[in-house]
């Protein structure tokens, strides 16, 4: 046989062997293109590297793959393993090594979040802390920096882009594989960053839409649930102390929390674990939240100085809050007493105010609103006289809680609590504070970023029945604040528009502004927004009906019927009432529907 024939035969044999090897990993090769392009690696070299990596991976982690070397996951996991090894090699490059090193750290951080929602707006709030690593600051310096680092992972098929800028997702198999590698090597620093990001993204609970805002965050909390349960907290349970931040760091933190999409009170000290465990409790995983807190308390200890005592007090307050939410009042009382004892021992005055507030809440929930009102009245006075003043979060929390109890009890027809003038006098000082620009100044130096909205909302509902024109004025002020904070198209803005529509229509039946703000609310809301959409539909139906515009009244009447059916069911009184209202519209219009 000639040399040329032998060469052709060997070439054909190599070709057949190459095809055979390719056939064994079809999905792995779907990812290979990015490696070949970014590394300029030949296909033969890629396959050799694949074989070597596969053998090593299977030997080290055989239980992860099931039976047989040709297991589907084994093929694609080997491919991603190679991608990380190549990326790791690139960290040694002169000049650009830090970018790849940061990208690797970002990749590992992502396993501490829900992989379908890797959003810059959430992850960046890990910047609020006392010991934030430099690589995290570099990655989350701005959106462009985050996207640039994320794109390094996208190029290697470790991360996927989405339709929304600065938001990515990760394939579940990649995520499972990375979590498997991380199982025995829990990084407390990454866990702390994740906790801070989730905690400082958590919205407040005074507005009606808070639950919808938190639904995505519970998924992130669930991603670190197992890690929280087995974390040793070697360096102590993380505590964010804003008082120790530099002026620049504090300014940056306040800018983050005043984001239009976000709503939260930022106190001088924060315990991220407390916010995360509360997320568990409000979404039906109360025992998980309590177990995590008890584990942290046991590991933190109370005899290692002021810092540990402060952490324990904060955790105990959080535990008491969860127990109240769970209606376990006896256990909550016991927890509050333990908190009080520890706070008094170390003279934590601000925490003692929180203890008194929780005591009043428990008293009210146990069915003794009269005593709760007395307790809260004293607490408000104590806060004012102690030097905290009107605008401190402790004072404000007590004022809001007191006004809400008075409102609820007054609404029950109980004349003892039906003195609206008491509520007005309670809230009136805040109007003067708003007009005197006390709140903008406060937002720059203290922690009540939600004060202005809370006060206008309380004043709005207080004047709703006794002074509708005054309520309209407060509603307009509330709308301005909400629009400035959350944007013109947010659900919270739609809620404020809907409330203002109702109040303007209530104050004056022919107020054209009522229709205008109502249509604005309807434009933002949709059928998926449940009760809010239902409310604006029947309000617009009434407004058009009074104007004898039967065509538009019927349109919104039908929408109200459909919304009530979806929200309450066909057998509900709400649905029956909307159906009757629509029928009356049809009966009054003698031409269009005759």
Protein backbone atom coordinates (compact mmCIF):
# COMPACT_ATOMS: atom_id res chain seq x y z
CA UNK A 1 0.00 0.00 0.00
CA UNK A 2 1.34 3.39 -0.97
CA UNK A 3 2.26 6.06 1.56
CA UNK A 4 -0.45 8.33 0.13
CA UNK A 5 -3.09 5.59 0.54
CA UNK A 6 -1.93 4.95 4.12
CA UNK A 7 -2.15 8.65 4.90
CA UNK A 8 -5.67 8.85 3.50
CA UNK A 9 -6.68 5.76 5.48
CA UNK A 10 -5.30 7.21 8.74
CA UNK A 11 -7.00 10.49 7.98
CA UNK A 12 -10.34 8.74 7.42
CA UNK A 13 -9.86 6.75 10.63
CA UNK A 14 -9.18 9.95 12.57
CA UNK A 15 -12.22 11.56 11.00
CA UNK A 16 -14.45 8.61 11.93
CA UNK A 17 -13.06 8.62 15.46
CA UNK A 18 -13.76 12.32 15.74
CA UNK A 19 -17.36 11.83 14.57
CA UNK A 20 -17.80 9.00 17.05
CA UNK A 21 -16.63 11.17 19.91
CA UNK A 22 -18.85 14.03 18.77
CA UNK A 23 -21.91 11.76 18.73
CA UNK A 24 -21.50 11.07 22.45
CA UNK A 25 -21.95 14.66 23.55
CA UNK A 26 -24.44 16.49 21.35
CA UNK A 27 -25.65 18.95 23.97
CA UNK A 28 -22.16 19.55 25.30
CA UNK A 29 -21.12 20.69 21.83
CA UNK A 30 -24.05 23.09 21.73
CA UNK A 31 -22.07 25.02 24.34
CA UNK A 32 -18.66 24.42 22.77
CA UNK A 33 -18.88 27.14 20.13
CA UNK A 34 -18.30 29.89 22.65
CA UNK A 35 -15.15 28.18 23.95
CA UNK A 36 -13.75 27.67 20.50
CA UNK A 37 -14.41 31.28 19.51
CA UNK A 38 -13.12 32.91 22.68
CA UNK A 39 -10.03 30.69 23.07
CA UNK A 40 -9.34 30.00 19.35
CA UNK A 41 -8.99 26.34 20.27
CA UNK A 42 -9.11 23.64 17.59
CA UNK A 43 -11.94 21.13 17.74
CA UNK A 44 -9.52 18.23 18.25
CA UNK A 45 -7.84 20.00 21.17
CA UNK A 46 -11.23 20.81 22.63
CA UNK A 47 -12.26 17.15 22.55
CA UNK A 48 -9.01 16.02 24.14
CA UNK A 49 -9.52 18.54 26.92
CA UNK A 50 -13.14 17.41 27.24
CA UNK A 51 -12.14 13.76 27.66
CA UNK A 52 -9.53 14.53 30.29
CA UNK A 53 -11.85 16.87 32.20
CA UNK A 54 -14.68 14.37 32.04
CA UNK A 55 -12.64 11.54 33.53
CA UNK A 56 -11.41 13.77 36.36
CA UNK A 57 -14.88 15.14 37.07
CA UNK A 58 -16.51 11.72 37.12
CA UNK A 59 -13.88 10.32 39.46
CA UNK A 60 -14.27 13.21 41.90
CA UNK A 61 -18.07 13.58 41.79
CA UNK A 62 -19.47 10.28 40.50
CA UNK A 63 -22.52 10.33 42.86
CA UNK A 64 -23.74 13.51 41.18
CA UNK A 65 -24.11 11.93 37.75
CA UNK A 66 -26.05 8.75 38.32
CA UNK A 67 -25.14 5.57 36.47
CA UNK A 68 -22.83 5.36 33.53
CA UNK A 69 -20.20 7.69 32.12
CA UNK A 70 -22.44 8.69 29.23
CA UNK A 71 -25.01 10.20 31.55
CA UNK A 72 -26.61 13.31 30.04
CA UNK A 73 -25.70 15.60 32.92
CA UNK A 74 -22.18 14.28 33.01
CA UNK A 75 -21.62 15.54 29.45
CA UNK A 76 -22.80 19.09 29.92
CA UNK A 77 -21.38 19.40 33.44
CA UNK A 78 -17.99 18.42 32.07
CA UNK A 79 -18.30 21.16 29.47
CA UNK A 80 -19.08 23.82 32.07
CA UNK A 81 -16.28 22.53 34.28
CA UNK A 82 -13.86 23.10 31.41
CA UNK A 83 -15.26 26.60 30.94
CA UNK A 84 -14.52 27.52 34.56
CA UNK A 85 -11.02 26.01 34.35
CA UNK A 86 -10.29 28.07 31.24
CA UNK A 87 -11.72 31.17 32.91
CA UNK A 88 -9.58 30.51 35.96
CA UNK A 89 -6.50 30.33 33.76
CA UNK A 90 -7.36 33.74 32.32
CA UNK A 91 -7.15 35.33 35.78
CA UNK A 92 -3.36 35.16 35.37
CA UNK A 93 -3.41 37.49 32.36
CA UNK A 94 -1.48 40.70 32.90
CA UNK A 95 -3.71 43.75 32.98
CA UNK A 96 -7.06 41.97 32.62
CA UNK A 97 -6.71 39.23 35.22
CA UNK A 98 -8.80 41.08 37.82
CA UNK A 99 -11.81 41.22 35.51
CA UNK A 100 -11.82 37.43 35.13
CA UNK A 101 -11.13 36.95 38.84
CA UNK A 102 -14.09 39.16 39.70
CA UNK A 103 -16.24 37.30 37.18
CA UNK A 104 -15.42 34.01 38.91
CA UNK A 105 -16.39 35.50 42.27
CA UNK A 106 -19.60 36.85 40.75
CA UNK A 107 -20.36 33.37 39.40
CA UNK A 108 -20.09 31.88 42.86
CA UNK A 109 -22.14 34.70 44.41
CA UNK A 110 -24.98 33.99 41.96
CA UNK A 111 -25.47 30.55 43.56
CA UNK A 112 -26.69 32.42 46.66
CA UNK A 113 -29.66 33.82 44.70
CA UNK A 114 -32.60 32.51 42.70
CA UNK A 115 -30.97 31.72 39.31
CA UNK A 116 -33.84 32.96 37.13
CA UNK A 117 -33.66 36.50 38.54
CA UNK A 118 -30.05 37.76 38.65
CA UNK A 119 -30.93 41.46 38.74
CA UNK A 120 -28.41 44.26 39.30
CA UNK A 121 -31.04 46.28 41.21
CA UNK A 122 -31.26 43.56 43.88
CA UNK A 123 -27.69 42.27 44.06
CA UNK A 124 -26.13 45.74 44.29
CA UNK A 125 -27.74 46.39 47.67
CA UNK A 126 -25.12 44.12 49.13
CA UNK A 127 -23.01 47.30 48.96
CA UNK A 128 -24.78 48.45 52.14
CA UNK A 129 -22.50 47.00 54.79
CA UNK A 130 -19.42 47.50 56.95
CA UNK A 131 -17.10 44.90 55.44
CA UNK A 132 -17.91 44.83 51.72
CA UNK A 133 -15.03 43.20 49.76
CA UNK A 134 -13.29 45.23 47.08
CA UNK A 135 -14.19 42.84 44.25
CA UNK A 136 -17.90 43.34 45.05
CA UNK A 137 -17.47 47.13 44.99
CA UNK A 138 -15.71 46.85 41.62
CA UNK A 139 -18.38 44.63 40.06
CA UNK A 140 -21.34 46.67 41.35
CA UNK A 141 -19.84 50.12 40.91
CA UNK A 142 -22.52 50.76 38.28
CA UNK A 143 -24.72 48.89 35.80
CA UNK A 144 -22.08 48.99 33.07
CA UNK A 145 -19.47 47.35 35.30
CA UNK A 146 -21.91 44.63 36.37
CA UNK A 147 -22.94 43.89 32.78
CA UNK A 148 -19.29 43.79 31.64
CA UNK A 149 -18.45 41.16 34.27
CA UNK A 150 -21.64 39.20 33.63
CA UNK A 151 -20.94 39.14 29.89
CA UNK A 152 -17.69 37.25 30.60
CA UNK A 153 -19.87 34.48 32.03
CA UNK A 154 -22.41 34.78 29.20
CA UNK A 155 -19.65 34.27 26.62
CA UNK A 156 -18.80 30.97 28.29
CA UNK A 157 -22.42 29.79 28.50
CA UNK A 158 -22.42 30.00 32.30
CA UNK A 159 -25.02 32.78 32.35
CA UNK A 160 -27.82 33.83 30.02
CA UNK A 161 -28.92 37.32 29.06
CA UNK A 162 -32.56 38.40 29.30
CA UNK A 163 -34.74 41.00 27.60
CA UNK A 164 -34.17 43.39 30.52
CA UNK A 165 -30.86 45.24 30.69
CA UNK A 166 -28.59 44.32 33.64
CA UNK A 167 -30.73 41.26 34.40
CA UNK A 168 -29.55 37.70 33.73
CA UNK A 169 -30.55 34.12 34.39
CA UNK A 170 -28.65 30.88 34.90
CA UNK A 171 -29.50 27.45 33.53
CA UNK A 172 -30.78 25.19 36.32
CA UNK A 173 -28.24 22.49 35.52
CA UNK A 174 -25.36 24.98 35.78
CA UNK A 175 -26.85 26.25 39.03
CA UNK A 176 -27.25 22.74 40.50
CA UNK A 177 -23.71 21.86 39.51
CA UNK A 178 -22.22 25.00 41.07
CA UNK A 179 -24.26 24.49 44.26
CA UNK A 180 -23.04 20.87 44.45
CA UNK A 181 -19.44 22.04 44.37
CA UNK A 182 -20.21 24.68 47.01
CA UNK A 183 -22.05 22.31 49.34
CA UNK A 184 -19.10 21.58 51.62
CA UNK A 185 -17.47 24.99 51.30
CA UNK A 186 -20.01 27.54 52.56
CA UNK A 187 -18.65 31.07 52.18
CA UNK A 188 -19.98 33.24 55.02
CA UNK A 189 -18.89 36.42 53.27
CA UNK A 190 -20.97 35.58 50.19
CA UNK A 191 -23.88 34.59 52.43
CA UNK A 192 -23.62 37.95 54.22
CA UNK A 193 -23.64 39.82 50.89
CA UNK A 194 -26.69 37.88 49.77
CA UNK A 195 -28.50 38.56 53.05
CA UNK A 196 -27.80 42.29 52.79
CA UNK A 197 -28.95 42.40 49.17
CA UNK A 198 -32.24 40.66 50.03
CA UNK A 199 -32.78 42.55 53.30
CA UNK A 200 -32.24 46.01 51.81
CA UNK A 201 -34.46 45.15 48.83
CA UNK A 202 -37.36 44.21 51.10
CA UNK A 203 -40.24 46.72 50.82
CA UNK A 204 -42.13 48.10 53.80
CA UNK A 205 -45.43 46.64 54.94
CA UNK A 206 -47.63 49.68 55.52
CA UNK A 207 -48.83 49.92 51.94
CA UNK A 208 -51.22 47.42 50.46
CA UNK A 209 -48.94 46.23 47.67
CA UNK A 210 -46.04 45.13 49.89
CA UNK A 211 -46.81 41.43 49.45
CA UNK A 212 -46.63 41.61 45.66
CA UNK A 213 -43.31 43.44 45.90
CA UNK A 214 -41.88 40.71 48.13
CA UNK A 215 -42.93 37.69 46.09
CA UNK A 216 -39.75 37.68 44.03
CA UNK A 217 -37.58 38.18 47.12
CA UNK A 218 -38.86 35.07 48.91
CA UNK A 219 -37.40 33.04 46.02
CA UNK A 220 -33.99 34.55 46.74
CA UNK A 221 -34.44 33.84 50.45
CA UNK A 222 -35.29 30.22 49.69
CA UNK A 223 -32.04 29.93 47.72
CA UNK A 224 -30.03 30.50 50.92
CA UNK A 225 -32.37 28.74 53.35
CA UNK A 226 -30.20 25.63 53.72
CA UNK A 227 -27.02 27.68 54.06
CA UNK A 228 -28.57 29.83 56.80
CA UNK A 229 -29.54 26.72 58.76
CA UNK A 230 -26.02 25.26 58.67
CA UNK A 231 -23.98 28.48 58.83
CA UNK A 232 -21.55 28.63 61.77
CA UNK A 233 -21.39 32.45 61.81
CA UNK A 234 -17.71 32.17 62.67
CA UNK A 235 -17.16 35.92 62.46
CA UNK A 236 -20.48 36.72 64.15
CA UNK A 237 -24.00 37.26 62.83
CA UNK A 238 -23.72 40.16 60.31
CA UNK A 239 -24.87 43.53 61.63
CA UNK A 240 -24.89 46.65 59.47
CA UNK A 241 -23.98 49.69 61.59
CA UNK A 242 -24.51 52.84 59.55
CA UNK A 243 -23.06 54.91 62.34
CA UNK A 244 -19.58 53.57 61.55
CA UNK A 245 -19.78 54.26 57.80
CA UNK A 246 -17.92 57.18 56.32
CA UNK A 247 -20.01 60.09 55.10
CA UNK A 248 -19.52 58.92 51.50
CA UNK A 249 -20.53 55.35 52.32
CA UNK A 250 -23.61 56.53 54.20
CA UNK A 251 -24.62 58.83 51.36
CA UNK A 252 -24.30 55.93 48.90
CA UNK A 253 -26.37 53.71 51.19
CA UNK A 254 -29.13 56.32 51.43
CA UNK A 255 -29.09 56.72 47.64
CA UNK A 256 -29.59 52.97 47.31
CA UNK A 257 -32.51 52.84 49.72
CA UNK A 258 -34.20 55.84 48.13
CA UNK A 259 -34.39 54.07 44.80
CA UNK A 260 -37.80 54.68 43.12
CA UNK A 261 -38.52 50.94 43.03
CA UNK A 262 -37.82 50.45 46.71
CA UNK A 263 -39.43 51.14 50.06
CA UNK A 264 -37.92 50.52 53.47
CA UNK A 265 -36.97 52.24 56.71
CA UNK A 266 -33.20 52.26 57.07
CA UNK A 267 -32.44 52.42 60.79
CA UNK A 268 -29.04 53.28 62.21
CA UNK A 269 -28.32 49.59 62.72
CA UNK A 270 -29.77 46.78 60.65
CA UNK A 271 -29.74 43.01 61.04
CA UNK A 272 -30.11 41.53 57.53
CA UNK A 273 -30.92 38.11 58.94
CA UNK A 274 -34.00 39.61 60.62
CA UNK A 275 -35.47 40.84 57.32
CA UNK A 276 -34.75 37.53 55.57
CA UNK A 277 -36.37 35.45 58.31
CA UNK A 278 -39.41 37.72 58.29
CA UNK A 279 -39.76 36.97 54.58
CA UNK A 280 -39.96 33.28 55.45
CA UNK A 281 -42.66 33.92 58.03
CA UNK A 282 -44.96 36.04 55.85
CA UNK A 283 -44.85 33.43 53.09
CA UNK A 284 -45.87 30.51 55.27
CA UNK A 285 -42.46 29.24 56.42
CA UNK A 286 -42.70 30.56 59.97
CA UNK A 287 -40.93 27.59 61.55
CA UNK A 288 -38.02 28.00 59.13
CA UNK A 289 -37.66 31.66 60.11
CA UNK A 290 -37.78 30.83 63.83
CA UNK A 291 -35.32 27.96 63.44
CA UNK A 292 -32.81 30.19 61.64
CA UNK A 293 -33.09 32.87 64.36
CA UNK A 294 -32.73 30.32 67.17
CA UNK A 295 -29.67 28.84 65.45
CA UNK A 296 -28.13 32.30 65.09
CA UNK A 297 -28.92 33.15 68.72
CA UNK A 298 -27.31 29.96 69.97
CA UNK A 299 -24.14 30.59 67.96
CA UNK A 300 -23.98 34.30 68.71
CA UNK A 301 -24.09 34.08 72.50
CA UNK A 302 -24.81 36.98 74.84
CA UNK A 303 -21.63 37.26 76.91
CA UNK A 304 -19.11 38.44 74.34
CA UNK A 305 -19.48 42.20 74.58
CA UNK A 306 -21.85 44.95 73.52
CA UNK A 307 -21.79 44.07 69.82
CA UNK A 308 -22.98 40.50 70.41
CA UNK A 309 -25.60 41.72 72.88
CA UNK A 310 -26.94 44.17 70.28
CA UNK A 311 -27.14 41.37 67.71
CA UNK A 312 -29.03 39.17 70.18
CA UNK A 313 -31.47 41.96 71.02
CA UNK A 314 -32.18 42.54 67.34
CA UNK A 315 -32.70 38.83 66.70
CA UNK A 316 -35.01 38.53 69.72
CA UNK A 317 -37.08 41.49 68.49
CA UNK A 318 -37.35 39.79 65.10
CA UNK A 319 -38.37 36.53 66.73
CA UNK A 320 -41.07 38.32 68.73
CA UNK A 321 -42.39 39.96 65.55
CA UNK A 322 -42.65 36.58 63.81
CA UNK A 323 -44.41 35.05 66.83
CA UNK A 324 -46.93 37.92 66.81
CA UNK A 325 -47.51 37.33 63.10
CA UNK A 326 -48.05 33.64 63.94
CA UNK A 327 -50.60 34.59 66.66
CA UNK A 328 -48.41 32.89 69.29
CA UNK A 329 -48.93 35.64 71.83
CA UNK A 330 -47.75 33.80 74.95
CA UNK A 331 -44.47 32.88 73.27
CA UNK A 332 -44.17 36.43 71.92
CA UNK A 333 -44.60 37.86 75.44
CA UNK A 334 -41.83 35.60 76.73
CA UNK A 335 -39.53 36.63 73.90
CA UNK A 336 -40.29 40.33 74.45
CA UNK A 337 -39.47 39.95 78.16
CA UNK A 338 -36.09 38.35 77.32
CA UNK A 339 -35.41 41.22 74.93
CA UNK A 340 -36.32 43.77 77.57
CA UNK A 341 -34.03 42.20 80.16
CA UNK A 342 -31.05 42.17 77.80
CA UNK A 343 -31.71 45.70 76.49
CA UNK A 344 -31.97 47.10 80.02
CA UNK A 345 -28.77 45.33 81.06
CA UNK A 346 -26.86 47.14 78.31
CA UNK A 347 -28.98 50.32 78.31
CA UNK A 348 -30.17 49.92 74.71
CA UNK A 349 -32.79 52.66 74.98
CA UNK A 350 -33.97 52.60 71.37
CA UNK A 351 -34.59 48.87 71.55
CA UNK A 352 -36.63 49.37 74.72
CA UNK A 353 -38.97 51.63 72.74
CA UNK A 354 -39.36 48.81 70.23
CA UNK A 355 -40.11 46.42 73.14
CA UNK A 356 -42.90 48.73 74.32
CA UNK A 357 -44.31 48.96 70.80
CA UNK A 358 -44.42 45.16 70.46
CA UNK A 359 -46.06 44.88 73.90
CA UNK A 360 -48.79 47.27 72.76
CA UNK A 361 -49.31 45.34 69.52
CA UNK A 362 -49.67 42.05 71.41
CA UNK A 363 -52.10 43.69 73.85
CA UNK A 364 -54.24 44.92 70.96
CA UNK A 365 -54.20 41.57 69.17
CA UNK A 366 -55.16 39.82 72.40
CA UNK A 367 -58.40 41.83 72.34
CA UNK A 368 -57.65 44.77 74.62
CA UNK A 369 -57.47 47.82 72.32
CA UNK A 370 -58.25 50.27 75.15
CA UNK A 371 -55.10 49.26 77.07
CA UNK A 372 -53.07 49.18 73.82
CA UNK A 373 -54.12 52.76 73.07
CA UNK A 374 -53.06 53.86 76.54
CA UNK A 375 -49.69 52.12 76.14
CA UNK A 376 -49.08 53.68 72.72
CA UNK A 377 -50.13 57.14 73.92
CA UNK A 378 -47.53 56.93 76.70
CA UNK A 379 -44.93 55.60 74.27
CA UNK A 380 -45.45 58.52 71.87
CA UNK A 381 -45.04 60.95 74.74
CA UNK A 382 -41.90 59.16 76.00
CA UNK A 383 -40.33 59.28 72.54
CA UNK A 384 -41.01 63.00 72.19
CA UNK A 385 -39.70 63.84 75.65
CA UNK A 386 -36.59 61.66 75.41
CA UNK A 387 -35.06 63.88 72.78
CA UNK A 388 -35.87 61.62 69.82
CA UNK A 389 -38.44 64.14 68.62
CA UNK A 390 -41.42 63.89 66.29
CA UNK A 391 -39.60 62.48 63.30
CA UNK A 392 -37.58 59.64 64.77
CA UNK A 393 -38.54 56.16 63.56
CA UNK A 394 -39.48 55.06 67.12
CA UNK A 395 -41.87 58.00 67.53
CA UNK A 396 -43.30 57.60 64.07
CA UNK A 397 -43.88 53.84 64.45
CA UNK A 398 -45.83 54.44 67.66
CA UNK A 399 -47.87 57.25 66.07
CA UNK A 400 -48.77 55.17 63.02
CA UNK A 401 -49.72 52.13 65.14
CA UNK A 402 -51.85 54.30 67.45
CA UNK A 403 -53.66 55.98 64.56
CA UNK A 404 -54.37 52.62 62.91
CA UNK A 405 -55.90 51.19 66.09
CA UNK A 406 -58.04 54.31 66.56
CA UNK A 407 -59.17 54.04 62.93
CA UNK A 408 -60.07 50.36 63.17
CA UNK A 409 -61.89 50.66 66.48
CA UNK A 410 -63.71 53.80 65.34
CA UNK A 411 -64.76 51.98 62.18
CA UNK A 412 -66.41 49.31 64.32
CA UNK A 413 -68.83 51.92 65.61
CA UNK A 414 -67.26 52.00 69.05
CA UNK A 415 -67.92 55.58 70.19
CA UNK A 416 -65.12 55.34 72.74
CA UNK A 417 -62.59 55.37 69.89
CA UNK A 418 -64.58 57.39 67.36
CA UNK A 419 -63.13 60.80 68.15
CA UNK A 420 -61.56 61.74 64.83
CA UNK A 421 -60.31 64.99 66.32
CA UNK A 422 -57.95 62.93 68.47
CA UNK A 423 -56.49 61.41 65.33
CA UNK A 424 -56.19 64.80 63.67
CA UNK A 425 -54.38 66.27 66.69
CA UNK A 426 -52.09 63.23 66.74
CA UNK A 427 -51.07 63.70 63.12
CA UNK A 428 -51.31 67.48 62.71
CA UNK A 429 -47.74 68.24 63.90
CA UNK A 430 -46.42 66.24 60.96
CA UNK A 431 -48.21 68.51 58.50
CA UNK A 432 -46.33 71.48 59.95
CA UNK A 433 -43.13 69.45 59.72
CA UNK A 434 -43.76 68.70 56.07
CA UNK A 435 -44.52 72.33 55.25
CA UNK A 436 -41.38 73.40 57.14
CA UNK A 437 -39.25 71.05 55.01
CA UNK A 438 -38.32 68.94 58.04
CA UNK A 439 -38.71 65.70 56.12
CA UNK A 440 -36.27 66.42 53.26
CA UNK A 441 -33.66 67.46 55.81
CA UNK A 442 -34.38 64.35 57.85
CA UNK A 443 -33.93 62.09 54.85
CA UNK A 444 -30.37 63.31 54.44
CA UNK A 445 -29.25 62.75 58.03
CA UNK A 446 -31.48 60.10 59.54
CA UNK A 447 -33.40 57.00 58.66
CA UNK A 448 -37.07 57.80 57.99
CA UNK A 449 -37.14 57.56 54.21
CA UNK A 450 -40.82 56.51 54.30
CA UNK A 451 -42.08 59.12 56.81
CA UNK A 452 -43.59 61.56 54.35
CA UNK A 453 -45.62 58.91 52.57
CA UNK A 454 -46.82 57.34 55.83
CA UNK A 455 -48.00 60.62 57.31
CA UNK A 456 -49.88 61.78 54.21
CA UNK A 457 -51.55 58.38 53.94
CA UNK A 458 -52.65 58.44 57.61
CA UNK A 459 -53.93 62.01 57.25
CA UNK A 460 -55.75 61.02 54.07
CA UNK A 461 -57.67 58.13 55.64
CA UNK A 462 -58.29 60.12 58.86
CA UNK A 463 -60.06 62.96 56.98
CA UNK A 464 -61.81 60.58 54.58
CA UNK A 465 -65.20 60.69 56.33
CA UNK A 466 -65.21 63.94 58.29
CA UNK A 467 -63.56 66.35 55.84
CA UNK A 468 -63.46 65.03 52.24
CA UNK A 469 -62.04 68.26 50.70
CA UNK A 470 -59.15 68.15 53.21
CA UNK A 471 -58.68 64.46 52.42
CA UNK A 472 -58.42 65.34 48.72
CA UNK A 473 -55.62 67.79 49.52
CA UNK A 474 -53.73 65.16 51.49
CA UNK A 475 -54.37 62.65 48.68
CA UNK A 476 -52.79 65.02 46.15
CA UNK A 477 -49.75 65.44 48.41
CA UNK A 478 -49.53 61.67 48.82
CA UNK A 479 -49.66 61.20 45.05
CA UNK A 480 -46.75 63.62 44.53
CA UNK A 481 -44.61 61.80 47.10
CA UNK A 482 -45.43 58.33 45.75
CA UNK A 483 -44.85 59.37 42.13
CA UNK A 484 -41.50 60.89 43.05
CA UNK A 485 -40.42 57.78 44.92
CA UNK A 486 -41.74 54.96 42.76
CA UNK A 487 -42.18 56.51 39.31
CA UNK A 488 -45.23 57.41 37.26
CA UNK A 489 -46.05 53.84 36.19
CA UNK A 490 -45.59 51.93 39.44
CA UNK A 491 -48.35 50.00 41.14
CA UNK A 492 -48.00 52.15 44.25
CA UNK A 493 -48.65 55.24 42.12
CA UNK A 494 -51.73 53.52 40.68
CA UNK A 495 -52.98 52.83 44.22
CA UNK A 496 -52.58 56.50 45.15
CA UNK A 497 -54.38 57.55 41.95
CA UNK A 498 -57.21 55.12 42.67
CA UNK A 499 -57.62 56.41 46.23
CA UNK A 500 -57.59 60.00 45.00
CA UNK A 501 -60.18 59.16 42.33
CA UNK A 502 -62.51 57.79 45.01
CA UNK A 503 -62.00 60.75 47.35
CA UNK A 504 -62.49 63.41 44.65
CA UNK A 505 -65.66 61.69 43.49
CA UNK A 506 -66.83 61.38 47.11
CA UNK A 507 -66.15 65.07 47.81
CA UNK A 508 -67.80 66.32 44.60
CA UNK A 509 -69.75 64.12 42.22
CA UNK A 510 -68.97 66.18 39.10
CA UNK A 511 -65.23 66.65 39.77
CA UNK A 512 -63.55 66.15 36.33
CA UNK A 513 -60.23 65.45 38.07
CA UNK A 514 -61.77 62.30 39.59
CA UNK A 515 -62.25 60.82 36.13
CA UNK A 516 -58.80 61.92 35.00
CA UNK A 517 -56.88 60.29 37.86
CA UNK A 518 -59.14 57.23 37.70
CA UNK A 519 -58.29 56.62 34.05
CA UNK A 520 -54.61 57.12 34.86
CA UNK A 521 -54.84 54.42 37.52
CA UNK A 522 -56.67 52.06 35.15
CA UNK A 523 -54.01 52.60 32.49
CA UNK A 524 -51.30 51.42 34.91
CA UNK A 525 -53.30 48.57 36.43
CA UNK A 526 -54.61 45.51 34.64
CA UNK A 527 -56.77 42.43 35.35
CA UNK A 528 -53.81 40.70 37.03
CA UNK A 529 -53.73 43.39 39.74
CA UNK A 530 -56.73 41.85 41.50
CA UNK A 531 -58.60 44.01 43.96
CA UNK A 532 -56.97 47.27 42.94
CA UNK A 533 -58.12 46.78 39.35
CA UNK A 534 -61.58 45.73 40.52
CA UNK A 535 -61.85 48.87 42.67
CA UNK A 536 -60.91 51.28 39.89
CA UNK A 537 -63.34 49.56 37.47
CA UNK A 538 -66.40 50.06 39.65
CA UNK A 539 -65.33 53.60 40.52
CA UNK A 540 -65.09 54.53 36.84
CA UNK A 541 -68.40 52.77 36.21
CA UNK A 542 -70.04 55.01 38.84
CA UNK A 543 -68.43 58.19 37.54
CA UNK A 544 -69.54 57.55 33.95
CA UNK A 545 -73.00 56.50 35.19
CA UNK A 546 -73.52 59.78 37.05
CA UNK A 547 -72.46 61.62 33.88
CA UNK A 548 -75.05 59.50 31.96
CA UNK A 549 -72.36 58.25 29.63
CA UNK A 550 -73.95 54.79 29.42
CA UNK A 551 -71.57 53.40 26.79
CA UNK A 552 -68.44 53.98 28.93
CA UNK A 553 -70.33 53.02 32.09
CA UNK A 554 -71.21 49.67 30.52
CA UNK A 555 -67.61 49.07 29.41
CA UNK A 556 -66.26 49.60 32.93
CA UNK A 557 -69.23 47.77 34.42
CA UNK A 558 -68.41 44.67 32.37
CA UNK A 559 -64.78 44.91 33.44
CA UNK A 560 -65.87 45.18 37.07
CA UNK A 561 -68.02 42.05 36.66
CA UNK A 562 -65.17 40.10 35.05
CA UNK A 563 -62.70 41.28 37.69
CA UNK A 564 -65.05 40.40 40.56
CA UNK A 565 -65.58 36.94 39.07
CA UNK A 566 -61.83 36.37 38.83
CA UNK A 567 -61.07 37.80 42.27
CA UNK A 568 -64.07 36.64 44.36
CA UNK A 569 -65.85 33.95 42.33
CA UNK A 570 -69.30 33.82 40.73
CA UNK A 571 -71.04 33.00 44.02
CA UNK A 572 -69.68 36.04 45.86
CA UNK A 573 -71.75 39.05 46.93
CA UNK A 574 -69.26 41.35 45.17
CA UNK A 575 -69.89 39.59 41.86
CA UNK A 576 -73.66 39.70 42.34
CA UNK A 577 -73.54 43.40 43.21
CA UNK A 578 -71.50 44.23 40.11
CA UNK A 579 -73.83 42.19 37.91
CA UNK A 580 -76.85 44.10 39.29
CA UNK A 581 -75.11 47.43 38.70
CA UNK A 582 -74.36 46.49 35.09
CA UNK A 583 -77.97 45.40 34.54
CA UNK A 584 -79.18 48.81 35.76
CA UNK A 585 -76.90 50.51 33.24
CA UNK A 586 -78.36 48.38 30.44
CA UNK A 587 -81.89 49.27 31.59
CA UNK A 588 -81.19 53.03 31.68
CA UNK A 589 -79.65 53.19 28.22
CA UNK A 590 -82.67 53.04 25.93
CA UNK A 591 -80.83 53.39 22.64
CA UNK A 592 -77.39 51.82 22.53
CA UNK A 593 -78.35 48.43 23.98
CA UNK A 594 -82.07 48.34 23.18
